[in-house]
Amino acid sequence: MYEEKEIKYKRRKIKKKFVKPEKKVFFKNNWHITIPRIKIFKSNSFFSKIDWKHLGLKLGVLLLAMVLIIFTISRINKYYKKENESFNQNIQKITDATLAYYLENSLPVNIGDSSSLVLEEMIKEKYLEGVKENNNSCDYLSSYVIITKTSLSEYRLKIYLECPDKQKAVEQVLACDNDECKIKEKN
């Protein structure tokens, strides 16, 4: 019996704590409306329903995944940039060797005339040392250079370099004055 009274007392105490009594609104002529009050439970608030430990764990995993993705992408970009840089250095070596070869052995004379040269010839005549890409020698018989006279003082230089991993063709415009040729910058 004592336990029942204690339980009833606790229930009343809880109801008083969380439920506000109804409110009566009176109008003229003694009419009244009863407005029920909404139950307010402190344990029902938005922030108490969130499991902060799991939320923090999920956000931490998400942040870690994003950092790993960004790190991986940056490493891949550095690798390709380095690879392209070495290939461009090889193209520059070939361009310099071609200019040296044609300044000694004469450029095409008439507009529209062309002259071609295989990399193997340039290596035999010691204008160029071996061209390597990723420690593999490039194909000297398939790689070539073509120079064409386009106007009185301009030449078009086409370089095709074929290596085991990739091949690339580059066209450049040369501006020549007397015995000196320079690569014309693209606008």
Protein backbone atom coordinates (compact mmCIF):
# COMPACT_ATOMS: atom_id res chain seq x y z
CA MET A 1 0.00 0.00 0.00
CA TYR A 2 2.78 2.34 0.86
CA GLU A 3 4.43 1.54 -2.51
CA GLU A 4 1.23 2.35 -4.42
CA LYS A 5 0.98 5.77 -2.79
CA GLU A 6 4.61 6.44 -3.56
CA ILE A 7 4.10 5.47 -7.23
CA LYS A 8 1.00 7.69 -7.49
CA TYR A 9 2.91 10.54 -5.89
CA LYS A 10 5.77 10.14 -8.38
CA ARG A 11 3.31 10.05 -11.30
CA ARG A 12 1.63 13.24 -10.12
CA LYS A 13 5.01 14.87 -9.67
CA ILE A 14 6.06 13.89 -13.22
CA LYS A 15 2.76 15.15 -14.66
CA LYS A 16 3.15 18.45 -12.86
CA LYS A 17 6.65 18.76 -14.14
CA PHE A 18 5.98 18.10 -17.82
CA VAL A 19 2.32 18.87 -18.46
CA LYS A 20 0.88 22.31 -18.03
CA PRO A 21 -2.77 22.53 -17.05
CA GLU A 22 -5.41 23.43 -19.60
CA LYS A 23 -6.24 27.06 -20.00
CA LYS A 24 -9.79 28.37 -20.05
CA VAL A 25 -10.60 31.40 -22.14
CA PHE A 26 -13.80 33.29 -21.27
CA PHE A 27 -15.87 35.34 -23.68
CA LYS A 28 -18.94 37.49 -23.30
CA ASN A 29 -22.10 35.71 -22.19
CA ASN A 30 -20.00 33.30 -20.07
CA TRP A 31 -18.92 31.14 -22.97
CA HIS A 32 -15.59 29.54 -22.53
CA ILE A 33 -13.23 27.37 -24.57
CA THR A 34 -10.73 25.01 -23.09
CA ILE A 35 -7.35 25.08 -24.83
CA PRO A 36 -5.31 21.97 -24.15
CA ARG A 37 -1.66 22.48 -23.35
CA ILE A 38 1.03 20.66 -25.28
CA LYS A 39 3.11 18.24 -23.28
CA ILE A 40 6.69 19.39 -23.00
CA PHE A 41 9.26 16.80 -22.16
CA LYS A 42 12.80 17.87 -21.58
CA SER A 43 14.11 14.54 -22.86
CA ASN A 44 12.34 15.12 -26.21
CA SER A 45 14.47 18.10 -27.23
CA PHE A 46 16.28 17.93 -30.57
CA PHE A 47 19.79 17.98 -29.17
CA SER A 48 19.19 15.25 -26.63
CA LYS A 49 18.08 12.84 -29.40
CA ILE A 50 21.41 13.15 -31.23
CA ASP A 51 23.97 10.49 -30.49
CA TRP A 52 26.99 12.77 -30.32
CA LYS A 53 29.52 9.97 -30.08
CA HIS A 54 28.41 8.32 -33.33
CA LEU A 55 28.00 11.66 -35.08
CA GLY A 56 31.55 12.66 -34.15
CA LEU A 57 32.84 9.29 -35.33
CA LYS A 58 31.06 9.61 -38.69
CA LEU A 59 32.30 13.17 -39.20
CA GLY A 60 35.84 12.08 -38.33
CA VAL A 61 35.73 9.23 -40.85
CA LEU A 62 34.31 11.58 -43.50
CA LEU A 63 37.05 14.14 -42.84
CA LEU A 64 39.73 11.46 -42.99
CA ALA A 65 38.36 10.15 -46.30
CA MET A 66 38.36 13.67 -47.79
CA VAL A 67 41.97 14.25 -46.68
CA LEU A 68 43.04 10.93 -48.22
CA ILE A 69 41.28 11.73 -51.52
CA ILE A 70 42.89 15.19 -51.73
CA PHE A 71 46.31 13.72 -50.89
CA THR A 72 45.97 11.00 -53.54
CA ILE A 73 44.87 13.46 -56.24
CA SER A 74 47.79 15.79 -55.47
CA ARG A 75 50.27 12.89 -55.70
CA ILE A 76 48.82 11.80 -59.06
CA ASN A 77 49.05 15.37 -60.40
CA LYS A 78 52.69 15.64 -59.28
CA TYR A 79 53.51 12.34 -61.01
CA TYR A 80 51.96 13.40 -64.34
CA LYS A 81 53.52 16.86 -64.14
CA LYS A 82 56.96 15.29 -63.60
CA GLU A 83 56.39 12.85 -66.46
CA ASN A 84 55.31 15.62 -68.85
CA GLU A 85 58.23 17.77 -67.72
CA SER A 86 60.79 15.11 -68.69
CA PHE A 87 59.06 14.53 -72.03
CA ASN A 88 59.10 18.30 -72.73
CA GLN A 89 62.81 18.42 -71.85
CA ASN A 90 63.42 15.72 -74.46
CA ILE A 91 61.48 17.74 -77.05
CA GLN A 92 63.61 20.79 -76.18
CA LYS A 93 66.84 18.78 -76.61
CA ILE A 94 65.66 17.62 -80.05
CA THR A 95 64.71 21.20 -81.02
CA ASP A 96 68.15 22.50 -80.06
CA ALA A 97 69.91 19.66 -81.90
CA THR A 98 67.75 20.24 -84.99
CA LEU A 99 68.61 23.96 -85.07
CA ALA A 100 72.33 23.16 -84.74
CA TYR A 101 72.12 20.52 -87.50
CA TYR A 102 70.22 22.69 -90.00
CA LEU A 103 72.31 25.81 -89.40
CA GLU A 104 75.41 23.78 -90.38
CA ASN A 105 73.81 21.77 -93.19
CA SER A 106 71.53 24.49 -94.69
CA LEU A 107 67.84 25.10 -94.22
CA PRO A 108 65.29 24.67 -97.07
CA VAL A 109 65.71 27.53 -99.58
CA ASN A 110 62.37 27.96 -101.39
CA ILE A 111 59.01 28.66 -99.73
CA GLY A 112 57.15 25.37 -99.37
CA ASP A 113 60.30 23.20 -99.44
CA SER A 114 60.73 20.66 -96.66
CA SER A 115 63.55 18.66 -95.20
CA SER A 116 63.21 15.71 -92.86
CA LEU A 117 65.60 14.09 -90.48
CA VAL A 118 65.38 10.92 -88.41
CA LEU A 119 66.71 11.01 -84.85
CA GLU A 120 69.13 8.19 -85.63
CA GLU A 121 70.99 10.46 -88.10
CA MET A 122 71.26 13.21 -85.49
CA ILE A 123 72.71 10.74 -82.98
CA LYS A 124 75.20 9.33 -85.54
CA GLU A 125 76.44 12.82 -86.39
CA LYS A 126 76.72 13.64 -82.65
CA TYR A 127 74.18 16.48 -82.60
CA LEU A 128 72.13 14.61 -80.05
CA GLU A 129 72.85 12.09 -77.36
CA GLY A 130 70.37 9.30 -76.72
CA VAL A 131 66.84 10.33 -75.77
CA LYS A 132 65.37 8.36 -72.87
CA GLU A 133 61.97 8.43 -71.23
CA ASN A 134 61.56 6.63 -67.88
CA ASN A 135 64.93 4.86 -68.39
CA ASN A 136 63.76 3.43 -71.74
CA SER A 137 65.30 4.56 -75.02
CA CYS A 138 62.94 6.16 -77.47
CA ASP A 139 62.56 4.72 -80.97
CA TYR A 140 65.14 6.58 -83.06
CA LEU A 141 63.91 5.27 -86.42
CA SER A 142 60.25 6.21 -85.82
CA SER A 143 61.03 9.61 -84.30
CA TYR A 144 61.67 12.36 -86.82
CA VAL A 145 61.93 16.08 -87.47
CA ILE A 146 60.47 17.95 -90.47
CA ILE A 147 61.34 21.56 -91.21
CA THR A 148 59.37 23.51 -93.84
CA LYS A 149 59.96 27.04 -95.12
CA THR A 150 56.68 29.01 -94.81
CA SER A 151 57.82 32.57 -95.64
CA LEU A 152 61.01 34.54 -96.25
CA SER A 153 62.21 34.33 -92.66
CA GLU A 154 59.92 31.74 -91.04
CA TYR A 155 60.06 27.98 -90.84
CA ARG A 156 57.65 25.43 -89.41
CA LEU A 157 59.33 22.76 -87.31
CA LYS A 158 57.46 19.54 -86.63
CA ILE A 159 58.96 17.12 -84.11
CA TYR A 160 57.55 13.64 -83.62
CA LEU A 161 58.95 11.68 -80.68
CA GLU A 162 57.95 8.08 -80.09
CA CYS A 163 58.89 6.39 -76.83
CA PRO A 164 57.72 3.03 -75.44
CA ASP A 165 55.13 4.63 -73.12
CA LYS A 166 53.87 7.47 -75.28
CA GLN A 167 54.37 9.52 -78.40
CA LYS A 168 53.94 13.18 -79.07
CA ALA A 169 54.03 15.54 -82.04
CA VAL A 170 54.96 19.18 -81.51
CA GLU A 171 54.86 22.00 -84.04
CA GLN A 172 56.82 25.20 -83.57
CA VAL A 173 57.44 28.28 -85.68
CA LEU A 174 61.03 29.41 -86.16
CA ALA A 175 62.00 32.98 -87.00
CA CYS A 176 65.38 33.08 -88.73
CA ASP A 177 67.63 36.09 -89.39
CA ASN A 178 70.85 35.34 -91.31
CA ASP A 179 72.49 32.51 -89.34
CA GLU A 180 70.37 32.67 -86.21
CA CYS A 181 66.98 30.97 -85.62
CA LYS A 182 64.75 31.36 -82.60
CA ILE A 183 61.47 29.76 -81.64
CA LYS A 184 58.64 32.21 -82.12
CA GLU A 185 56.40 32.54 -79.08
CA LYS A 186 52.71 31.72 -79.55
CA ASN A 187 50.29 34.57 -78.89
